[in-house]
């Protein structure tokens, strides 16, 4: 199990529209091979900063299967207009797992 952590800087005047657009395309992420769940968070001190945490079965499910797919293209194209800067994406393993963290979307 790996986690994709995407830092998403959103234009302050487009926050509500971004959240609506994300809701509209999140099903594309959820139906991807290897998808295990996701959580979109919004900053408290900086409300225009969002973090997307996605649980993938393997790194390859994200980088080699989802990223080159038509669903990913549609997903990112729908959100691109709301970004204030290029998103930053990192992948991590849980170094000291303390039990399963369920981040399935609500």
C-alpha atoms as a PDB file:
ATOM      1  CA  UNK A   1       0.000   0.000   0.000  1.00  0.00           C
ATOM      2  CA  UNK A   2       1.347   3.407  -0.929  1.00  0.00           C
ATOM      3  CA  UNK A   3       0.042   6.925  -0.522  1.00  0.00           C
ATOM      4  CA  UNK A   4       0.049   9.692  -3.096  1.00  0.00           C
ATOM      5  CA  UNK A   5       0.195  13.114  -1.454  1.00  0.00           C
ATOM      6  CA  UNK A   6      -0.674  15.955  -3.804  1.00  0.00           C
ATOM      7  CA  UNK A   7      -0.290  19.557  -2.684  1.00  0.00           C
ATOM      8  CA  UNK A   8      -2.896  21.587  -4.583  1.00  0.00           C
ATOM      9  CA  UNK A   9      -2.592  25.382  -4.423  1.00  0.00           C
ATOM     10  CA  UNK A  10      -5.981  26.755  -5.479  1.00  0.00           C
ATOM     11  CA  UNK A  11      -6.709  30.321  -6.525  1.00  0.00           C
ATOM     12  CA  UNK A  12      -8.389  31.981  -3.522  1.00  0.00           C
ATOM     13  CA  UNK A  13     -11.260  33.310  -5.634  1.00  0.00           C
ATOM     14  CA  UNK A  14     -11.976  29.812  -7.039  1.00  0.00           C
ATOM     15  CA  UNK A  15     -12.137  27.681  -3.866  1.00  0.00           C
ATOM     16  CA  UNK A  16     -15.851  26.846  -4.002  1.00  0.00           C
ATOM     17  CA  UNK A  17     -15.736  26.155  -7.738  1.00  0.00           C
ATOM     18  CA  UNK A  18     -12.703  23.889  -7.220  1.00  0.00           C
ATOM     19  CA  UNK A  19     -14.503  21.840  -4.563  1.00  0.00           C
ATOM     20  CA  UNK A  20     -17.502  21.422  -6.851  1.00  0.00           C
ATOM     21  CA  UNK A  21     -15.287  20.451  -9.805  1.00  0.00           C
ATOM     22  CA  UNK A  22     -13.451  17.916  -7.633  1.00  0.00           C
ATOM     23  CA  UNK A  23     -16.756  16.357  -6.576  1.00  0.00           C
ATOM     24  CA  UNK A  24     -17.740  16.109 -10.239  1.00  0.00           C
ATOM     25  CA  UNK A  25     -14.611  14.158 -11.267  1.00  0.00           C
ATOM     26  CA  UNK A  26     -13.706  12.202  -8.131  1.00  0.00           C
ATOM     27  CA  UNK A  27     -15.533   9.149  -9.498  1.00  0.00           C
ATOM     28  CA  UNK A  28     -12.816   8.907 -12.181  1.00  0.00           C
ATOM     29  CA  UNK A  29     -10.214   8.506  -9.472  1.00  0.00           C
ATOM     30  CA  UNK A  30     -12.346   6.073  -7.480  1.00  0.00           C
ATOM     31  CA  UNK A  31     -12.779   3.651 -10.387  1.00  0.00           C
ATOM     32  CA  UNK A  32      -9.052   3.412 -11.160  1.00  0.00           C
ATOM     33  CA  UNK A  33      -7.256   0.068 -10.891  1.00  0.00           C
ATOM     34  CA  UNK A  34      -5.494  -0.184  -7.534  1.00  0.00           C
ATOM     35  CA  UNK A  35      -7.424   2.687  -5.964  1.00  0.00           C
ATOM     36  CA  UNK A  36      -7.996   2.100  -2.239  1.00  0.00           C
ATOM     37  CA  UNK A  37      -9.472   5.428  -1.097  1.00  0.00           C
ATOM     38  CA  UNK A  38      -8.867   9.162  -1.003  1.00  0.00           C
ATOM     39  CA  UNK A  39      -9.212  12.201   1.212  1.00  0.00           C
ATOM     40  CA  UNK A  40      -9.244  15.814   0.037  1.00  0.00           C
ATOM     41  CA  UNK A  41      -8.317  18.232   2.809  1.00  0.00           C
ATOM     42  CA  UNK A  42      -8.515  22.019   2.950  1.00  0.00           C
ATOM     43  CA  UNK A  43      -6.102  24.122   4.964  1.00  0.00           C
ATOM     44  CA  UNK A  44      -7.412  25.896   8.019  1.00  0.00           C
ATOM     45  CA  UNK A  45      -4.799  28.651   8.210  1.00  0.00           C
ATOM     46  CA  UNK A  46      -4.530  28.756   4.404  1.00  0.00           C
ATOM     47  CA  UNK A  47      -7.945  27.797   2.970  1.00  0.00           C
ATOM     48  CA  UNK A  48      -6.643  27.983  -0.599  1.00  0.00           C
ATOM     49  CA  UNK A  49      -4.226  25.114   0.081  1.00  0.00           C
ATOM     50  CA  UNK A  50      -5.675  21.652  -0.482  1.00  0.00           C
ATOM     51  CA  UNK A  51      -3.991  18.299   0.020  1.00  0.00           C
ATOM     52  CA  UNK A  52      -5.178  15.209  -1.797  1.00  0.00           C
ATOM     53  CA  UNK A  53      -4.207  11.934  -0.155  1.00  0.00           C
ATOM     54  CA  UNK A  54      -4.841   8.847  -2.291  1.00  0.00           C
ATOM     55  CA  UNK A  55      -4.263   5.278  -1.185  1.00  0.00           C
ATOM     56  CA  UNK A  56      -3.038   3.017  -4.006  1.00  0.00           C
ATOM     57  CA  UNK A  57      -2.388  -0.698  -3.947  1.00  0.00           C
ATOM     58  CA  UNK A  58       0.934  -0.172  -5.766  1.00  0.00           C
ATOM     59  CA  UNK A  59       2.939   2.774  -7.065  1.00  0.00           C
ATOM     60  CA  UNK A  60       2.526   1.385 -10.580  1.00  0.00           C
ATOM     61  CA  UNK A  61      -1.274   1.505 -10.261  1.00  0.00           C
ATOM     62  CA  UNK A  62      -0.938   5.265  -9.986  1.00  0.00           C
ATOM     63  CA  UNK A  63       2.059   6.096 -12.167  1.00  0.00           C
ATOM     64  CA  UNK A  64       1.827   3.493 -14.934  1.00  0.00           C
ATOM     65  CA  UNK A  65      -1.907   2.752 -15.084  1.00  0.00           C
ATOM     66  CA  UNK A  66      -3.890   5.803 -13.903  1.00  0.00           C
ATOM     67  CA  UNK A  67      -1.624   8.684 -14.935  1.00  0.00           C
ATOM     68  CA  UNK A  68      -1.470   7.779 -18.658  1.00  0.00           C
ATOM     69  CA  UNK A  69      -5.217   6.989 -18.779  1.00  0.00           C
ATOM     70  CA  UNK A  70      -8.023   8.990 -20.369  1.00  0.00           C
ATOM     71  CA  UNK A  71      -9.676   9.178 -16.929  1.00  0.00           C
ATOM     72  CA  UNK A  72      -6.614  10.904 -15.474  1.00  0.00           C
ATOM     73  CA  UNK A  73      -6.506  13.324 -18.397  1.00  0.00           C
ATOM     74  CA  UNK A  74     -10.172  14.201 -17.841  1.00  0.00           C
ATOM     75  CA  UNK A  75      -9.633  14.431 -14.061  1.00  0.00           C
ATOM     76  CA  UNK A  76      -6.677  16.822 -14.232  1.00  0.00           C
ATOM     77  CA  UNK A  77      -8.107  18.877 -17.103  1.00  0.00           C
ATOM     78  CA  UNK A  78     -11.271  19.540 -15.078  1.00  0.00           C
ATOM     79  CA  UNK A  79      -9.213  20.877 -12.155  1.00  0.00           C
ATOM     80  CA  UNK A  80      -6.339  22.654 -13.922  1.00  0.00           C
ATOM     81  CA  UNK A  81      -8.085  26.037 -14.244  1.00  0.00           C
ATOM     82  CA  UNK A  82      -8.411  26.330 -10.459  1.00  0.00           C
ATOM     83  CA  UNK A  83      -4.731  25.899  -9.587  1.00  0.00           C
ATOM     84  CA  UNK A  84      -2.699  28.945  -8.559  1.00  0.00           C
ATOM     85  CA  UNK A  85       0.525  26.988  -9.256  1.00  0.00           C
ATOM     86  CA  UNK A  86       1.553  23.537 -10.412  1.00  0.00           C
ATOM     87  CA  UNK A  87       0.563  20.786  -7.938  1.00  0.00           C
ATOM     88  CA  UNK A  88       3.383  18.928  -6.201  1.00  0.00           C
ATOM     89  CA  UNK A  89       2.987  15.145  -5.908  1.00  0.00           C
ATOM     90  CA  UNK A  90       4.932  12.750  -3.686  1.00  0.00           C
ATOM     91  CA  UNK A  91       4.522   9.067  -2.957  1.00  0.00           C
ATOM     92  CA  UNK A  92       5.169   7.539   0.469  1.00  0.00           C
ATOM     93  CA  UNK A  93       5.010   4.247   2.325  1.00  0.00           C
ATOM     94  CA  UNK A  94       3.776   4.111   5.892  1.00  0.00           C
ATOM     95  CA  UNK A  95       7.013   3.869   7.892  1.00  0.00           C
ATOM     96  CA  UNK A  96       5.350   2.787  11.148  1.00  0.00           C
ATOM     97  CA  UNK A  97       1.817   1.698  10.361  1.00  0.00           C
ATOM     98  CA  UNK A  98      -0.362   1.837  13.443  1.00  0.00           C
ATOM     99  CA  UNK A  99      -3.331   0.084  11.903  1.00  0.00           C
ATOM    100  CA  UNK A 100      -5.358   0.566   8.768  1.00  0.00           C
ATOM    101  CA  UNK A 101      -6.324   4.141   8.035  1.00  0.00           C
ATOM    102  CA  UNK A 102      -9.563   4.220   6.077  1.00  0.00           C
ATOM    103  CA  UNK A 103      -9.584   7.196   3.741  1.00  0.00           C
ATOM    104  CA  UNK A 104     -12.430   6.066   1.512  1.00  0.00           C
ATOM    105  CA  UNK A 105     -14.272   9.076   0.214  1.00  0.00           C
ATOM    106  CA  UNK A 106     -17.460  10.019   2.000  1.00  0.00           C
END
